[in-house]
Amino acid sequence: MNQSGEAAVLHNKTSTTSEYIFRPLEDIPVEFDAIYNAQLASWKRHDLSLGIERCAFVFYRDSVGSSTTESERARVNRHRELAPGHVFINEFDSTGKPVRLAPAHVNMHLNRAAVGICLSAIEGPMFASTEYLLAGLPVVTTPNHGGRDLYLDDEYSLTVPPDPRSIAEAVLALKERRIPRAYIRSQTLKRVERDRRRFIDLVNEIFLESGSLRRFAMPWPFRYPVMEWLPPHIAIDRSLSGTVDAFITA
């Protein structure tokens, strides 16, 4: 867009992930080699985790119907048959829909694992990747397009081919490194805060250019930890009316 003459600044939406929610917990024992936080959709490629001996899954169903009760049940049953050490944490409600966990509960379960895994080939920046890092988990990822690598580092992440054996070996390799969780978290926060500062500087430049006296300052002044997902027609209506986002100042 810059090359086309448009004003454009890159901003990773996962920089809004709350470091107060996602953090290491000292009193939670590690029970799993890895954990995967992802909806039970085929493009998340859960089968690539089948080589991991002990793996946990936090999951949900998105609003656009990437999975169904039948496909979710089939995926859970397949893992129970082929990988007895795999545990699917969420429960299903009376309609068969996964009951989504509160963010603090997600963080608690992340702390039960040694490594976080990211297995899709194409998606956006992936909040789960940043949540793993802020909780102090090293990350195993497959090659991908979409932006989830932005906060990863060779010190505490491995990118491996999309096959179960490579992923399982990488999980064990990172587990054996015993990288302090506080270190992974602190290094990630440096990158997150850099992007937050750049975003706030951009907003302040817009205030200045528009003649407003309002200014934002660090620490991160916004209340919502993540972006708000909206149906397309509502998002379009809000954009046309000038209501672009749902950030609220603290």
Protein backbone atom coordinates (compact mmCIF):
# COMPACT_ATOMS: atom_id res chain seq x y z
CA MET A 1 0.00 0.00 0.00
CA ASN A 2 2.89 2.35 0.71
CA GLN A 3 4.27 1.67 -2.75
CA SER A 4 0.86 2.62 -4.16
CA GLY A 5 1.01 5.97 -2.42
CA GLU A 6 -1.30 5.09 0.45
CA ALA A 7 -0.49 5.78 4.10
CA ALA A 8 -0.16 2.38 5.76
CA VAL A 9 1.34 1.09 9.00
CA LEU A 10 1.68 -2.59 9.88
CA HIS A 11 0.08 -3.50 13.20
CA ASN A 12 -0.22 -7.03 14.58
CA LYS A 13 -3.61 -7.43 16.24
CA THR A 14 -2.21 -9.94 18.77
CA SER A 15 -0.30 -7.11 20.43
CA THR A 16 -3.58 -6.42 22.24
CA THR A 17 -3.33 -9.75 24.09
CA SER A 18 -3.43 -9.11 27.83
CA GLU A 19 -0.21 -9.91 29.67
CA TYR A 20 -2.19 -9.68 32.91
CA ILE A 21 -4.36 -12.64 31.90
CA PHE A 22 -1.78 -14.70 30.03
CA ARG A 23 1.17 -15.27 32.34
CA PRO A 24 3.18 -18.05 33.99
CA LEU A 25 1.58 -19.62 37.07
CA GLU A 26 3.99 -21.11 39.58
CA ASP A 27 1.51 -23.43 41.29
CA ILE A 28 0.37 -25.36 38.18
CA PRO A 29 2.23 -28.64 37.53
CA VAL A 30 3.17 -29.52 33.94
CA GLU A 31 1.12 -32.53 32.83
CA PHE A 32 1.30 -32.35 29.02
CA ASP A 33 4.11 -32.24 26.50
CA ALA A 34 2.12 -29.77 24.41
CA ILE A 35 -1.15 -27.89 24.15
CA TYR A 36 -3.08 -26.62 21.13
CA ASN A 37 -5.60 -23.78 21.44
CA ALA A 38 -7.63 -23.89 18.24
CA GLN A 39 -11.12 -24.49 16.99
CA LEU A 40 -11.76 -28.06 15.87
CA ALA A 41 -11.73 -27.18 12.17
CA SER A 42 -9.97 -29.21 9.48
CA TRP A 43 -7.67 -26.34 8.45
CA LYS A 44 -6.21 -26.29 11.97
CA ARG A 45 -4.68 -29.71 11.14
CA HIS A 46 -5.03 -31.36 14.55
CA ASP A 47 -3.87 -34.69 13.11
CA LEU A 48 -0.33 -33.31 12.90
CA SER A 49 -0.23 -33.61 16.71
CA LEU A 50 -0.84 -37.37 16.73
CA GLY A 51 2.86 -38.14 17.27
CA ILE A 52 2.91 -36.23 20.58
CA GLU A 53 2.52 -38.59 23.51
CA ARG A 54 0.69 -36.27 25.90
CA CYS A 55 -1.17 -33.39 24.27
CA ALA A 56 -4.04 -31.20 25.49
CA PHE A 57 -6.53 -29.28 23.38
CA VAL A 58 -8.48 -26.12 24.17
CA PHE A 59 -11.08 -25.47 21.49
CA TYR A 60 -14.16 -23.55 20.41
CA ARG A 61 -16.43 -23.06 17.41
CA ASP A 62 -16.28 -19.85 15.40
CA SER A 63 -19.27 -17.87 14.17
CA VAL A 64 -18.81 -18.72 10.49
CA GLY A 65 -19.28 -22.46 10.90
CA SER A 66 -15.81 -23.86 10.19
CA SER A 67 -16.83 -27.02 12.05
CA THR A 68 -19.98 -28.89 13.06
CA THR A 69 -21.00 -31.07 15.98
CA GLU A 70 -20.43 -34.13 13.81
CA SER A 71 -16.99 -33.09 12.55
CA GLU A 72 -15.89 -32.07 16.06
CA ARG A 73 -17.00 -35.35 17.59
CA ALA A 74 -15.25 -37.28 14.83
CA ARG A 75 -12.01 -35.42 15.48
CA VAL A 76 -12.17 -36.06 19.22
CA ASN A 77 -12.96 -39.74 18.72
CA ARG A 78 -10.10 -40.13 16.22
CA HIS A 79 -7.59 -38.81 18.73
CA ARG A 80 -8.97 -40.94 21.53
CA GLU A 81 -8.50 -43.99 19.32
CA LEU A 82 -5.06 -43.18 17.89
CA ALA A 83 -3.54 -41.17 20.76
CA PRO A 84 -4.83 -42.24 24.19
CA GLY A 85 -2.66 -39.60 25.87
CA HIS A 86 -4.54 -36.76 24.19
CA VAL A 87 -7.04 -34.80 26.31
CA PHE A 88 -9.77 -32.50 24.98
CA ILE A 89 -10.45 -30.04 27.78
CA ASN A 90 -13.65 -28.24 26.86
CA GLU A 91 -17.07 -29.70 27.48
CA PHE A 92 -19.98 -29.67 25.02
CA ASP A 93 -23.32 -28.06 25.86
CA SER A 94 -26.73 -29.63 25.39
CA THR A 95 -26.80 -28.59 21.73
CA GLY A 96 -23.42 -30.18 21.01
CA LYS A 97 -21.52 -26.88 20.83
CA PRO A 98 -18.17 -26.55 22.64
CA VAL A 99 -18.39 -24.45 25.80
CA ARG A 100 -15.79 -21.71 25.36
CA LEU A 101 -13.46 -21.15 28.32
CA ALA A 102 -12.86 -17.78 29.95
CA PRO A 103 -9.40 -16.36 29.11
CA ALA A 104 -8.10 -16.91 32.66
CA HIS A 105 -9.11 -20.57 32.47
CA VAL A 106 -7.35 -20.88 29.11
CA ASN A 107 -4.20 -19.49 30.71
CA MET A 108 -4.43 -22.01 33.55
CA HIS A 109 -4.57 -24.87 31.07
CA LEU A 110 -1.68 -23.42 29.03
CA ASN A 111 0.40 -23.62 32.19
CA ARG A 112 -0.31 -27.35 32.38
CA ALA A 113 1.77 -27.87 29.22
CA ALA A 114 5.45 -27.59 28.32
CA VAL A 115 5.05 -26.32 24.74
CA GLY A 116 2.41 -24.53 22.65
CA ILE A 117 1.77 -25.73 19.10
CA CYS A 118 0.53 -23.95 15.95
CA LEU A 119 -0.36 -26.28 13.07
CA SER A 120 -2.37 -24.42 10.42
CA ALA A 121 -0.84 -23.61 7.04
CA ILE A 122 -2.68 -20.34 6.39
CA GLU A 123 -4.42 -17.99 8.84
CA GLY A 124 -4.03 -14.58 10.46
CA PRO A 125 -1.59 -13.68 13.22
CA MET A 126 -3.22 -16.24 15.63
CA PHE A 127 -3.92 -15.00 19.14
CA ALA A 128 -3.04 -18.41 20.61
CA SER A 129 0.57 -18.04 19.49
CA THR A 130 1.00 -14.82 21.49
CA GLU A 131 -0.95 -16.26 24.42
CA TYR A 132 1.49 -19.20 24.58
CA LEU A 133 4.46 -16.84 24.63
CA LEU A 134 3.06 -14.53 27.30
CA ALA A 135 2.35 -17.61 29.44
CA GLY A 136 6.02 -18.51 28.98
CA LEU A 137 5.59 -21.47 26.65
CA PRO A 138 8.03 -22.12 23.80
CA VAL A 139 6.29 -22.74 20.48
CA VAL A 140 6.44 -25.34 17.74
CA THR A 141 4.99 -24.12 14.45
CA THR A 142 4.72 -25.35 10.90
CA PRO A 143 5.63 -23.17 7.90
CA ASN A 144 2.70 -20.81 7.40
CA HIS A 145 1.34 -17.66 5.80
CA GLY A 146 -0.55 -14.99 7.72
CA GLY A 147 1.65 -13.47 10.40
CA ARG A 148 1.80 -15.65 13.48
CA ASP A 149 5.62 -15.79 13.33
CA LEU A 150 6.04 -12.10 14.15
CA TYR A 151 6.69 -12.61 17.87
CA LEU A 152 8.45 -15.96 17.57
CA ASP A 153 12.20 -16.26 18.00
CA ASP A 154 14.70 -19.04 17.28
CA GLU A 155 15.66 -19.01 20.96
CA TYR A 156 12.30 -20.42 22.00
CA SER A 157 10.49 -21.61 18.88
CA LEU A 158 11.01 -24.19 16.17
CA THR A 159 9.54 -24.26 12.67
CA VAL A 160 9.30 -27.81 11.36
CA PRO A 161 7.73 -29.67 8.41
CA PRO A 162 4.02 -30.46 8.72
CA ASP A 163 4.29 -34.11 9.66
CA PRO A 164 3.49 -35.73 13.05
CA ARG A 165 6.98 -37.11 13.64
CA SER A 166 8.76 -33.78 13.07
CA ILE A 167 6.30 -31.96 15.30
CA ALA A 168 6.58 -34.52 18.11
CA GLU A 169 10.40 -34.41 17.96
CA ALA A 170 10.40 -30.61 18.04
CA VAL A 171 8.07 -30.57 21.05
CA LEU A 172 10.42 -32.86 22.98
CA ALA A 173 13.46 -30.84 21.87
CA LEU A 174 11.99 -27.58 23.19
CA LYS A 175 10.81 -29.28 26.35
CA GLU A 176 14.34 -30.53 27.02
CA ARG A 177 15.79 -27.02 26.65
CA ARG A 178 13.99 -25.99 29.87
CA ILE A 179 13.87 -22.35 28.81
CA PRO A 180 12.70 -20.23 31.76
CA ARG A 181 9.13 -19.12 31.24
CA ALA A 182 9.91 -15.68 32.61
CA TYR A 183 12.53 -15.22 29.87
CA ILE A 184 10.16 -16.17 27.03
CA ARG A 185 7.53 -13.83 28.44
CA SER A 186 9.92 -10.89 28.91
CA GLN A 187 11.35 -11.19 25.39
CA THR A 188 7.84 -11.34 23.94
CA LEU A 189 6.71 -8.32 25.92
CA LYS A 190 9.58 -6.29 24.46
CA ARG A 191 8.26 -6.96 20.97
CA VAL A 192 4.62 -6.46 21.96
CA GLU A 193 5.33 -3.14 23.67
CA ARG A 194 7.30 -1.95 20.64
CA ASP A 195 4.23 -2.52 18.44
CA ARG A 196 1.89 -0.96 20.98
CA ARG A 197 4.07 2.15 21.14
CA ARG A 198 4.11 2.42 17.36
CA PHE A 199 0.31 2.16 17.25
CA ILE A 200 -0.14 4.82 19.95
CA ASP A 201 2.32 7.10 18.17
CA LEU A 202 0.24 6.71 15.01
CA VAL A 203 -3.00 7.58 16.83
CA ASN A 204 -1.35 10.61 18.42
CA GLU A 205 -0.13 11.78 15.01
CA ILE A 206 -3.71 11.58 13.75
CA PHE A 207 -4.93 13.57 16.77
CA LEU A 208 -2.27 16.21 16.09
CA GLU A 209 -3.07 16.48 12.39
CA SER A 210 -6.79 16.81 13.14
CA GLY A 211 -6.23 19.61 15.67
CA SER A 212 -7.29 17.53 18.66
CA LEU A 213 -5.63 18.14 22.02
CA ARG A 214 -6.21 14.54 23.06
CA ARG A 215 -3.17 12.23 23.43
CA PHE A 216 -2.60 8.63 24.45
CA ALA A 217 0.37 7.45 26.49
CA MET A 218 1.83 4.13 27.55
CA PRO A 219 1.11 1.81 29.27
CA TRP A 220 -1.41 0.37 26.83
CA PRO A 221 -4.54 2.48 27.47
CA PHE A 222 -7.21 0.30 25.89
CA ARG A 223 -9.63 -1.89 27.80
CA TYR A 224 -10.45 -4.68 25.37
CA PRO A 225 -7.78 -7.43 25.19
CA VAL A 226 -8.76 -8.52 21.66
CA MET A 227 -10.46 -7.16 18.60
CA GLU A 228 -14.23 -7.43 18.23
CA TRP A 229 -15.48 -9.86 15.59
CA LEU A 230 -18.53 -8.59 13.68
CA PRO A 231 -20.74 -9.93 10.87
CA PRO A 232 -19.72 -8.28 7.57
CA HIS A 233 -22.86 -6.13 7.24
CA ILE A 234 -22.40 -4.69 10.74
CA ALA A 235 -18.70 -4.04 10.15
CA ILE A 236 -19.51 -2.22 6.90
CA ASP A 237 -22.23 -0.11 8.57
CA ARG A 238 -19.88 0.87 11.38
CA SER A 239 -17.11 1.78 8.96
CA LEU A 240 -19.40 3.95 6.85
CA SER A 241 -20.65 5.74 9.95
CA GLY A 242 -17.11 6.36 11.19
CA THR A 243 -17.23 3.83 14.03
CA VAL A 244 -14.22 1.79 12.95
CA ASP A 245 -13.32 -0.15 16.06
CA ALA A 246 -14.47 -1.02 19.56
CA PHE A 247 -11.54 0.20 21.64
CA ILE A 248 -12.52 2.01 24.82
CA THR A 249 -10.11 4.03 26.91
CA ALA A 250 -9.55 2.72 30.43
